[in-house]
């Protein structure tokens, strides 16, 4: 495998924009909020992602101040350092992640919506249709069952790249890998080797106190809103709207969290 990028610095910026934009869509960041909350996940206390494997080495780490953005790990191939290999770990934007299938499908749709948005903004010239298939890798607790998307994209200078997005859920976190390879310098390639070496050695942190509070507030808000809908429907069925104001007061949701715009599975 080889991949020599014509302008890796220029290409790197839209890669990061794409990878973070999909995550940022589920987080409302208050510009007045302080730096990363003290009770958010600490990605530096222990080695979450391996510093080195047989063929890959970690070159950089960025922990985002907004907890919903999680952390980014940059890797390079020891033989082909121009390959683009990015690993993201960030919280699932919902309070229930047991049914991983719909969450993974929804997140993959979000990723490609952001890629298309980046194309509209001029970061890319075009992208091909993408194919999504199940993808499984070993993990410390058995296996991670996720999704793999494959597609090609063309840069504004005419460069064509083979690219993949991998998505998994471990504990309460999404694991996302983005890999891209220059088609002029390599046969069609994917990131399977990288995923197969790095993901089995991940030690994904559990739910933080910060996210636990946000999810509890969101769960209560949905519960209260649902109760209000049921009560209002019952009163309207009886032909009366008297007392709806009282229902509103009784079912008033707690102050919503401003640091994370969690999504309901009903959306």
C-alpha atoms as a PDB file:
ATOM      1  CA  UNK A   1       0.000   0.000   0.000  1.00  0.00           C
ATOM      2  CA  UNK A   2       1.219   3.504  -0.731  1.00  0.00           C
ATOM      3  CA  UNK A   3      -0.443   6.865  -0.638  1.00  0.00           C
ATOM      4  CA  UNK A   4       1.444  10.055  -1.439  1.00  0.00           C
ATOM      5  CA  UNK A   5      -0.808  13.081  -1.024  1.00  0.00           C
ATOM      6  CA  UNK A   6      -0.186  15.987  -3.368  1.00  0.00           C
ATOM      7  CA  UNK A   7      -1.007  18.469  -0.621  1.00  0.00           C
ATOM      8  CA  UNK A   8      -1.579  16.709   2.710  1.00  0.00           C
ATOM      9  CA  UNK A   9      -1.857  19.951   4.679  1.00  0.00           C
ATOM     10  CA  UNK A  10      -4.600  21.308   2.434  1.00  0.00           C
ATOM     11  CA  UNK A  11      -6.438  17.978   2.506  1.00  0.00           C
ATOM     12  CA  UNK A  12      -6.064  17.611   6.272  1.00  0.00           C
ATOM     13  CA  UNK A  13      -8.198  20.625   7.139  1.00  0.00           C
ATOM     14  CA  UNK A  14     -11.417  19.425   5.461  1.00  0.00           C
ATOM     15  CA  UNK A  15     -10.844  15.938   6.893  1.00  0.00           C
ATOM     16  CA  UNK A  16     -10.934  17.351  10.406  1.00  0.00           C
ATOM     17  CA  UNK A  17     -13.895  19.561   9.575  1.00  0.00           C
ATOM     18  CA  UNK A  18     -15.826  16.571   8.303  1.00  0.00           C
ATOM     19  CA  UNK A  19     -14.984  14.353  11.229  1.00  0.00           C
ATOM     20  CA  UNK A  20     -15.822  16.933  13.853  1.00  0.00           C
ATOM     21  CA  UNK A  21     -18.857  18.396  12.114  1.00  0.00           C
ATOM     22  CA  UNK A  22     -20.780  15.141  12.309  1.00  0.00           C
ATOM     23  CA  UNK A  23     -20.191  15.019  16.045  1.00  0.00           C
ATOM     24  CA  UNK A  24     -20.781  18.701  16.627  1.00  0.00           C
ATOM     25  CA  UNK A  25     -24.240  18.364  15.100  1.00  0.00           C
ATOM     26  CA  UNK A  26     -25.344  16.672  18.320  1.00  0.00           C
ATOM     27  CA  UNK A  27     -23.776  19.278  20.625  1.00  0.00           C
ATOM     28  CA  UNK A  28     -24.877  22.854  21.296  1.00  0.00           C
ATOM     29  CA  UNK A  29     -21.773  24.596  22.539  1.00  0.00           C
ATOM     30  CA  UNK A  30     -22.329  27.658  24.711  1.00  0.00           C
ATOM     31  CA  UNK A  31     -19.547  30.134  23.914  1.00  0.00           C
ATOM     32  CA  UNK A  32     -19.691  31.310  27.530  1.00  0.00           C
ATOM     33  CA  UNK A  33     -19.054  27.899  29.021  1.00  0.00           C
ATOM     34  CA  UNK A  34     -15.666  27.376  30.674  1.00  0.00           C
ATOM     35  CA  UNK A  35     -13.012  25.004  29.421  1.00  0.00           C
ATOM     36  CA  UNK A  36     -13.686  21.267  29.508  1.00  0.00           C
ATOM     37  CA  UNK A  37     -15.833  20.393  32.583  1.00  0.00           C
ATOM     38  CA  UNK A  38     -13.912  18.749  35.409  1.00  0.00           C
ATOM     39  CA  UNK A  39     -16.359  15.818  35.575  1.00  0.00           C
ATOM     40  CA  UNK A  40     -16.170  15.027  31.830  1.00  0.00           C
ATOM     41  CA  UNK A  41     -14.387  11.924  30.554  1.00  0.00           C
ATOM     42  CA  UNK A  42     -10.646  12.005  31.175  1.00  0.00           C
ATOM     43  CA  UNK A  43      -9.053  10.572  28.043  1.00  0.00           C
ATOM     44  CA  UNK A  44      -5.536  11.135  29.401  1.00  0.00           C
ATOM     45  CA  UNK A  45      -5.664   9.319  32.751  1.00  0.00           C
ATOM     46  CA  UNK A  46      -4.842   5.983  31.105  1.00  0.00           C
ATOM     47  CA  UNK A  47      -3.878   4.872  27.612  1.00  0.00           C
ATOM     48  CA  UNK A  48      -7.221   4.794  25.822  1.00  0.00           C
ATOM     49  CA  UNK A  49      -5.762   4.193  22.352  1.00  0.00           C
ATOM     50  CA  UNK A  50      -2.470   2.397  21.734  1.00  0.00           C
ATOM     51  CA  UNK A  51       0.538   4.593  21.078  1.00  0.00           C
ATOM     52  CA  UNK A  52       1.884   2.054  18.603  1.00  0.00           C
ATOM     53  CA  UNK A  53       0.961  -1.199  16.880  1.00  0.00           C
ATOM     54  CA  UNK A  54       2.845  -3.368  14.416  1.00  0.00           C
ATOM     55  CA  UNK A  55       2.190  -1.120  11.419  1.00  0.00           C
ATOM     56  CA  UNK A  56       0.851   2.142  12.886  1.00  0.00           C
ATOM     57  CA  UNK A  57       2.027   4.808  15.307  1.00  0.00           C
ATOM     58  CA  UNK A  58       0.037   7.554  17.033  1.00  0.00           C
ATOM     59  CA  UNK A  59       1.287  11.035  16.153  1.00  0.00           C
ATOM     60  CA  UNK A  60      -1.145  13.412  17.875  1.00  0.00           C
ATOM     61  CA  UNK A  61      -4.080  13.584  20.295  1.00  0.00           C
ATOM     62  CA  UNK A  62      -6.694  16.305  20.666  1.00  0.00           C
ATOM     63  CA  UNK A  63      -9.224  16.299  23.506  1.00  0.00           C
ATOM     64  CA  UNK A  64     -12.005  18.748  22.644  1.00  0.00           C
ATOM     65  CA  UNK A  65     -13.292  21.187  25.262  1.00  0.00           C
ATOM     66  CA  UNK A  66     -16.891  20.300  24.379  1.00  0.00           C
ATOM     67  CA  UNK A  67     -17.416  16.845  25.980  1.00  0.00           C
ATOM     68  CA  UNK A  68     -19.741  15.668  23.198  1.00  0.00           C
ATOM     69  CA  UNK A  69     -16.864  15.992  20.717  1.00  0.00           C
ATOM     70  CA  UNK A  70     -14.721  13.533  22.646  1.00  0.00           C
ATOM     71  CA  UNK A  71     -11.156  12.945  21.468  1.00  0.00           C
ATOM     72  CA  UNK A  72      -9.264  12.617  18.185  1.00  0.00           C
ATOM     73  CA  UNK A  73      -6.219  10.400  17.677  1.00  0.00           C
ATOM     74  CA  UNK A  74      -4.041  10.820  14.590  1.00  0.00           C
ATOM     75  CA  UNK A  75      -2.104   7.818  13.290  1.00  0.00           C
ATOM     76  CA  UNK A  76       0.328   7.200  10.462  1.00  0.00           C
ATOM     77  CA  UNK A  77       1.359   4.022   8.722  1.00  0.00           C
ATOM     78  CA  UNK A  78       5.031   3.351   9.515  1.00  0.00           C
ATOM     79  CA  UNK A  79       5.729   2.566   5.858  1.00  0.00           C
ATOM     80  CA  UNK A  80       3.348   5.050   4.237  1.00  0.00           C
ATOM     81  CA  UNK A  81       3.140   8.154   6.464  1.00  0.00           C
ATOM     82  CA  UNK A  82       0.908  10.090   4.062  1.00  0.00           C
ATOM     83  CA  UNK A  83      -2.074   7.801   4.628  1.00  0.00           C
ATOM     84  CA  UNK A  84      -4.911   9.630   6.404  1.00  0.00           C
ATOM     85  CA  UNK A  85      -5.955   7.626   9.480  1.00  0.00           C
ATOM     86  CA  UNK A  86      -8.095   9.333  12.111  1.00  0.00           C
ATOM     87  CA  UNK A  87      -9.705   7.746  15.159  1.00  0.00           C
ATOM     88  CA  UNK A  88     -12.498   9.506  17.057  1.00  0.00           C
ATOM     89  CA  UNK A  89     -14.077   8.443  20.350  1.00  0.00           C
ATOM     90  CA  UNK A  90     -17.089  10.478  21.506  1.00  0.00           C
ATOM     91  CA  UNK A  91     -20.305   9.970  23.516  1.00  0.00           C
ATOM     92  CA  UNK A  92     -23.460   8.524  22.003  1.00  0.00           C
ATOM     93  CA  UNK A  93     -25.954  11.383  21.698  1.00  0.00           C
ATOM     94  CA  UNK A  94     -28.729   9.532  23.496  1.00  0.00           C
ATOM     95  CA  UNK A  95     -29.454   8.203  26.977  1.00  0.00           C
ATOM     96  CA  UNK A  96     -29.994   4.613  25.774  1.00  0.00           C
ATOM     97  CA  UNK A  97     -27.348   2.909  23.626  1.00  0.00           C
ATOM     98  CA  UNK A  98     -28.311  -0.742  24.114  1.00  0.00           C
ATOM     99  CA  UNK A  99     -29.907  -1.039  20.668  1.00  0.00           C
ATOM    100  CA  UNK A 100     -26.814  -0.129  18.670  1.00  0.00           C
ATOM    101  CA  UNK A 101     -28.173  -0.818  15.185  1.00  0.00           C
ATOM    102  CA  UNK A 102     -30.394   2.271  14.736  1.00  0.00           C
ATOM    103  CA  UNK A 103     -27.850   4.513  16.445  1.00  0.00           C
ATOM    104  CA  UNK A 104     -25.052   3.400  14.129  1.00  0.00           C
ATOM    105  CA  UNK A 105     -27.226   3.822  11.047  1.00  0.00           C
ATOM    106  CA  UNK A 106     -28.313   7.278  12.161  1.00  0.00           C
ATOM    107  CA  UNK A 107     -24.736   8.342  12.860  1.00  0.00           C
ATOM    108  CA  UNK A 108     -23.547   7.061   9.485  1.00  0.00           C
ATOM    109  CA  UNK A 109     -26.270   9.095   7.781  1.00  0.00           C
ATOM    110  CA  UNK A 110     -25.101  12.135   9.721  1.00  0.00           C
ATOM    111  CA  UNK A 111     -21.498  11.603   8.606  1.00  0.00           C
ATOM    112  CA  UNK A 112     -22.444  11.520   4.930  1.00  0.00           C
ATOM    113  CA  UNK A 113     -24.751  14.509   5.304  1.00  0.00           C
ATOM    114  CA  UNK A 114     -21.746  16.453   6.574  1.00  0.00           C
ATOM    115  CA  UNK A 115     -19.534  15.163   3.746  1.00  0.00           C
ATOM    116  CA  UNK A 116     -22.139  16.360   1.262  1.00  0.00           C
ATOM    117  CA  UNK A 117     -22.343  19.697   3.049  1.00  0.00           C
ATOM    118  CA  UNK A 118     -18.551  20.047   2.834  1.00  0.00           C
ATOM    119  CA  UNK A 119     -18.802  19.351  -0.904  1.00  0.00           C
ATOM    120  CA  UNK A 120     -21.430  22.079  -1.263  1.00  0.00           C
ATOM    121  CA  UNK A 121     -19.092  24.470   0.556  1.00  0.00           C
ATOM    122  CA  UNK A 122     -16.306  23.687  -1.885  1.00  0.00           C
ATOM    123  CA  UNK A 123     -13.969  21.506   0.161  1.00  0.00           C
ATOM    124  CA  UNK A 124     -14.413  18.698  -2.373  1.00  0.00           C
ATOM    125  CA  UNK A 125     -15.460  18.554  -5.996  1.00  0.00           C
ATOM    126  CA  UNK A 126     -17.603  15.439  -5.658  1.00  0.00           C
ATOM    127  CA  UNK A 127     -18.017  12.046  -4.043  1.00  0.00           C
ATOM    128  CA  UNK A 128     -19.256   8.732  -5.347  1.00  0.00           C
ATOM    129  CA  UNK A 129     -22.201   6.771  -4.016  1.00  0.00           C
ATOM    130  CA  UNK A 130     -21.264   4.958  -0.819  1.00  0.00           C
ATOM    131  CA  UNK A 131     -21.736   1.333   0.136  1.00  0.00           C
ATOM    132  CA  UNK A 132     -22.398   0.367   3.747  1.00  0.00           C
ATOM    133  CA  UNK A 133     -21.851  -3.125   5.111  1.00  0.00           C
ATOM    134  CA  UNK A 134     -21.547  -4.774   8.548  1.00  0.00           C
ATOM    135  CA  UNK A 135     -18.037  -4.927   9.922  1.00  0.00           C
ATOM    136  CA  UNK A 136     -16.819  -6.822  12.989  1.00  0.00           C
ATOM    137  CA  UNK A 137     -13.501  -6.579  14.817  1.00  0.00           C
ATOM    138  CA  UNK A 138     -12.226  -8.317  17.972  1.00  0.00           C
ATOM    139  CA  UNK A 139     -12.279  -6.353  21.200  1.00  0.00           C
ATOM    140  CA  UNK A 140     -11.229  -6.872  24.786  1.00  0.00           C
ATOM    141  CA  UNK A 141     -14.750  -8.049  25.662  1.00  0.00           C
ATOM    142  CA  UNK A 142     -15.358 -10.188  22.591  1.00  0.00           C
ATOM    143  CA  UNK A 143     -16.337  -8.436  19.366  1.00  0.00           C
ATOM    144  CA  UNK A 144     -17.373  -5.005  18.197  1.00  0.00           C
ATOM    145  CA  UNK A 145     -20.128  -5.161  15.585  1.00  0.00           C
ATOM    146  CA  UNK A 146     -20.389  -2.031  13.517  1.00  0.00           C
ATOM    147  CA  UNK A 147     -20.633  -0.545  10.041  1.00  0.00           C
ATOM    148  CA  UNK A 148     -18.138   0.144   7.267  1.00  0.00           C
ATOM    149  CA  UNK A 149     -18.826   2.607   4.471  1.00  0.00           C
ATOM    150  CA  UNK A 150     -16.713   2.749   1.289  1.00  0.00           C
ATOM    151  CA  UNK A 151     -16.686   5.511  -1.314  1.00  0.00           C
ATOM    152  CA  UNK A 152     -14.432   7.698  -3.449  1.00  0.00           C
ATOM    153  CA  UNK A 153     -14.115  11.458  -3.496  1.00  0.00           C
ATOM    154  CA  UNK A 154     -12.459  13.966  -5.785  1.00  0.00           C
ATOM    155  CA  UNK A 155     -10.584  17.043  -4.622  1.00  0.00           C
ATOM    156  CA  UNK A 156     -10.760  20.413  -6.311  1.00  0.00           C
ATOM    157  CA  UNK A 157      -7.384  19.838  -7.977  1.00  0.00           C
ATOM    158  CA  UNK A 158      -8.600  16.599  -9.546  1.00  0.00           C
ATOM    159  CA  UNK A 159      -7.131  14.154  -7.044  1.00  0.00           C
ATOM    160  CA  UNK A 160      -9.174  11.009  -6.443  1.00  0.00           C
ATOM    161  CA  UNK A 161      -9.151   9.147  -3.121  1.00  0.00           C
ATOM    162  CA  UNK A 162     -10.426   5.831  -1.821  1.00  0.00           C
ATOM    163  CA  UNK A 163     -12.071   6.431   1.545  1.00  0.00           C
ATOM    164  CA  UNK A 164     -13.810   4.594   4.388  1.00  0.00           C
ATOM    165  CA  UNK A 165     -15.805   5.415   7.476  1.00  0.00           C
ATOM    166  CA  UNK A 166     -16.043   2.809  10.254  1.00  0.00           C
ATOM    167  CA  UNK A 167     -18.509   3.154  13.126  1.00  0.00           C
ATOM    168  CA  UNK A 168     -18.814   1.115  16.325  1.00  0.00           C
ATOM    169  CA  UNK A 169     -20.285   1.566  19.809  1.00  0.00           C
ATOM    170  CA  UNK A 170     -18.339   0.548  22.910  1.00  0.00           C
ATOM    171  CA  UNK A 171     -19.755   1.317  26.359  1.00  0.00           C
ATOM    172  CA  UNK A 172     -21.439   4.726  25.938  1.00  0.00           C
ATOM    173  CA  UNK A 173     -19.140   5.943  23.163  1.00  0.00           C
ATOM    174  CA  UNK A 174     -19.078   5.993  19.379  1.00  0.00           C
ATOM    175  CA  UNK A 175     -15.819   4.836  17.815  1.00  0.00           C
ATOM    176  CA  UNK A 176     -15.283   6.318  14.375  1.00  0.00           C
ATOM    177  CA  UNK A 177     -12.383   5.728  11.992  1.00  0.00           C
ATOM    178  CA  UNK A 178     -11.805   7.713   8.804  1.00  0.00           C
ATOM    179  CA  UNK A 179      -9.216   6.436   6.319  1.00  0.00           C
ATOM    180  CA  UNK A 180      -8.289   7.808   2.897  1.00  0.00           C
ATOM    181  CA  UNK A 181      -5.767   6.761   0.244  1.00  0.00           C
ATOM    182  CA  UNK A 182      -4.626   8.480  -2.965  1.00  0.00           C
ATOM    183  CA  UNK A 183      -5.878   6.480  -5.953  1.00  0.00           C
ATOM    184  CA  UNK A 184      -2.945   7.666  -8.099  1.00  0.00           C
ATOM    185  CA  UNK A 185      -0.448   5.974  -5.805  1.00  0.00           C
ATOM    186  CA  UNK A 186      -2.205   2.813  -4.674  1.00  0.00           C
ATOM    187  CA  UNK A 187      -4.630   0.117  -5.740  1.00  0.00           C
ATOM    188  CA  UNK A 188      -8.105   0.427  -4.162  1.00  0.00           C
ATOM    189  CA  UNK A 189      -7.449   0.137  -0.438  1.00  0.00           C
ATOM    190  CA  UNK A 190      -9.337   0.380   2.812  1.00  0.00           C
ATOM    191  CA  UNK A 191      -8.667   0.852   6.509  1.00  0.00           C
ATOM    192  CA  UNK A 192      -9.337  -2.743   7.559  1.00  0.00           C
ATOM    193  CA  UNK A 193      -5.738  -3.330   8.614  1.00  0.00           C
ATOM    194  CA  UNK A 194      -5.721  -0.212  10.790  1.00  0.00           C
ATOM    195  CA  UNK A 195      -9.072  -1.034  12.403  1.00  0.00           C
ATOM    196  CA  UNK A 196      -7.982  -4.629  12.980  1.00  0.00           C
ATOM    197  CA  UNK A 197      -4.787  -3.590  14.763  1.00  0.00           C
ATOM    198  CA  UNK A 198      -5.906  -0.574  16.782  1.00  0.00           C
ATOM    199  CA  UNK A 199      -9.487  -1.233  17.893  1.00  0.00           C
ATOM    200  CA  UNK A 200      -8.820  -4.496  19.765  1.00  0.00           C
ATOM    201  CA  UNK A 201      -6.432  -2.539  21.989  1.00  0.00           C
ATOM    202  CA  UNK A 202      -8.791   0.342  22.787  1.00  0.00           C
ATOM    203  CA  UNK A 203      -9.730   0.909  26.417  1.00  0.00           C
ATOM    204  CA  UNK A 204     -12.829   3.060  26.058  1.00  0.00           C
ATOM    205  CA  UNK A 205     -13.739   4.957  29.262  1.00  0.00           C
ATOM    206  CA  UNK A 206     -17.174   4.459  30.776  1.00  0.00           C
ATOM    207  CA  UNK A 207     -19.898   7.046  31.185  1.00  0.00           C
ATOM    208  CA  UNK A 208     -18.681  10.226  32.846  1.00  0.00           C
ATOM    209  CA  UNK A 209     -20.507  12.026  35.650  1.00  0.00           C
ATOM    210  CA  UNK A 210     -20.997  14.952  33.279  1.00  0.00           C
ATOM    211  CA  UNK A 211     -22.772  12.881  30.619  1.00  0.00           C
ATOM    212  CA  UNK A 212     -24.750  10.978  33.226  1.00  0.00           C
ATOM    213  CA  UNK A 213     -26.290  14.260  34.400  1.00  0.00           C
ATOM    214  CA  UNK A 214     -27.057  15.428  30.870  1.00  0.00           C
ATOM    215  CA  UNK A 215     -28.662  12.133  29.933  1.00  0.00           C
ATOM    216  CA  UNK A 216     -30.746  12.055  33.118  1.00  0.00           C
ATOM    217  CA  UNK A 217     -32.052  15.557  32.379  1.00  0.00           C
ATOM    218  CA  UNK A 218     -32.890  14.597  28.807  1.00  0.00           C
ATOM    219  CA  UNK A 219     -34.630  11.393  29.882  1.00  0.00           C
ATOM    220  CA  UNK A 220     -36.783  13.320  32.368  1.00  0.00           C
ATOM    221  CA  UNK A 221     -37.574  15.988  29.797  1.00  0.00           C
ATOM    222  CA  UNK A 222     -38.829  13.405  27.298  1.00  0.00           C
ATOM    223  CA  UNK A 223     -40.839  11.668  30.004  1.00  0.00           C
ATOM    224  CA  UNK A 224     -42.520  14.908  31.077  1.00  0.00           C
ATOM    225  CA  UNK A 225     -43.246  15.967  27.508  1.00  0.00           C
ATOM    226  CA  UNK A 226     -44.789  12.576  26.732  1.00  0.00           C
ATOM    227  CA  UNK A 227     -46.976  12.772  29.835  1.00  0.00           C
ATOM    228  CA  UNK A 228     -48.209  16.186  28.771  1.00  0.00           C
ATOM    229  CA  UNK A 229     -49.149  14.888  25.305  1.00  0.00           C
ATOM    230  CA  UNK A 230     -51.095  11.958  26.782  1.00  0.00           C
ATOM    231  CA  UNK A 231     -52.960  14.157  29.268  1.00  0.00           C
ATOM    232  CA  UNK A 232     -53.807  16.774  26.668  1.00  0.00           C
ATOM    233  CA  UNK A 233     -55.045  14.112  24.246  1.00  0.00           C
ATOM    234  CA  UNK A 234     -57.233  12.587  26.950  1.00  0.00           C
ATOM    235  CA  UNK A 235     -58.769  15.958  27.831  1.00  0.00           C
ATOM    236  CA  UNK A 236     -59.422  16.839  24.188  1.00  0.00           C
ATOM    237  CA  UNK A 237     -61.057  13.445  23.666  1.00  0.00           C
ATOM    238  CA  UNK A 238     -63.457  14.373  26.447  1.00  0.00           C
ATOM    239  CA  UNK A 239     -64.337  17.536  24.545  1.00  0.00           C
ATOM    240  CA  UNK A 240     -62.758  19.943  26.974  1.00  0.00           C
ATOM    241  CA  UNK A 241     -59.537  21.925  27.039  1.00  0.00           C
ATOM    242  CA  UNK A 242     -60.078  23.170  30.592  1.00  0.00           C
ATOM    243  CA  UNK A 243     -57.096  22.620  32.748  1.00  0.00           C
ATOM    244  CA  UNK A 244     -54.529  22.347  29.951  1.00  0.00           C
ATOM    245  CA  UNK A 245     -52.633  25.221  31.549  1.00  0.00           C
ATOM    246  CA  UNK A 246     -52.445  23.209  34.763  1.00  0.00           C
ATOM    247  CA  UNK A 247     -51.169  20.220  32.839  1.00  0.00           C
ATOM    248  CA  UNK A 248     -48.462  22.420  31.371  1.00  0.00           C
ATOM    249  CA  UNK A 249     -47.342  23.456  34.831  1.00  0.00           C
ATOM    250  CA  UNK A 250     -47.439  19.925  36.210  1.00  0.00           C
ATOM    251  CA  UNK A 251     -45.452  18.485  33.326  1.00  0.00           C
ATOM    252  CA  UNK A 252     -42.952  21.320  33.044  1.00  0.00           C
ATOM    253  CA  UNK A 253     -39.590  19.832  32.117  1.00  0.00           C
ATOM    254  CA  UNK A 254     -36.460  20.653  34.080  1.00  0.00           C
ATOM    255  CA  UNK A 255     -34.036  23.192  32.656  1.00  0.00           C
ATOM    256  CA  UNK A 256     -32.651  21.521  29.487  1.00  0.00           C
ATOM    257  CA  UNK A 257     -28.928  20.936  29.224  1.00  0.00           C
ATOM    258  CA  UNK A 258     -27.247  23.461  26.960  1.00  0.00           C
ATOM    259  CA  UNK A 259     -24.029  21.510  26.494  1.00  0.00           C
ATOM    260  CA  UNK A 260     -25.496  18.605  24.535  1.00  0.00           C
ATOM    261  CA  UNK A 261     -28.476  18.455  22.207  1.00  0.00           C
ATOM    262  CA  UNK A 262     -29.316  14.804  22.822  1.00  0.00           C
ATOM    263  CA  UNK A 263     -31.601  13.165  20.282  1.00  0.00           C
ATOM    264  CA  UNK A 264     -34.604  10.950  20.771  1.00  0.00           C
ATOM    265  CA  UNK A 265     -34.961   7.663  18.899  1.00  0.00           C
ATOM    266  CA  UNK A 266     -38.338   8.999  17.791  1.00  0.00           C
ATOM    267  CA  UNK A 267     -36.603  11.597  15.591  1.00  0.00           C
END
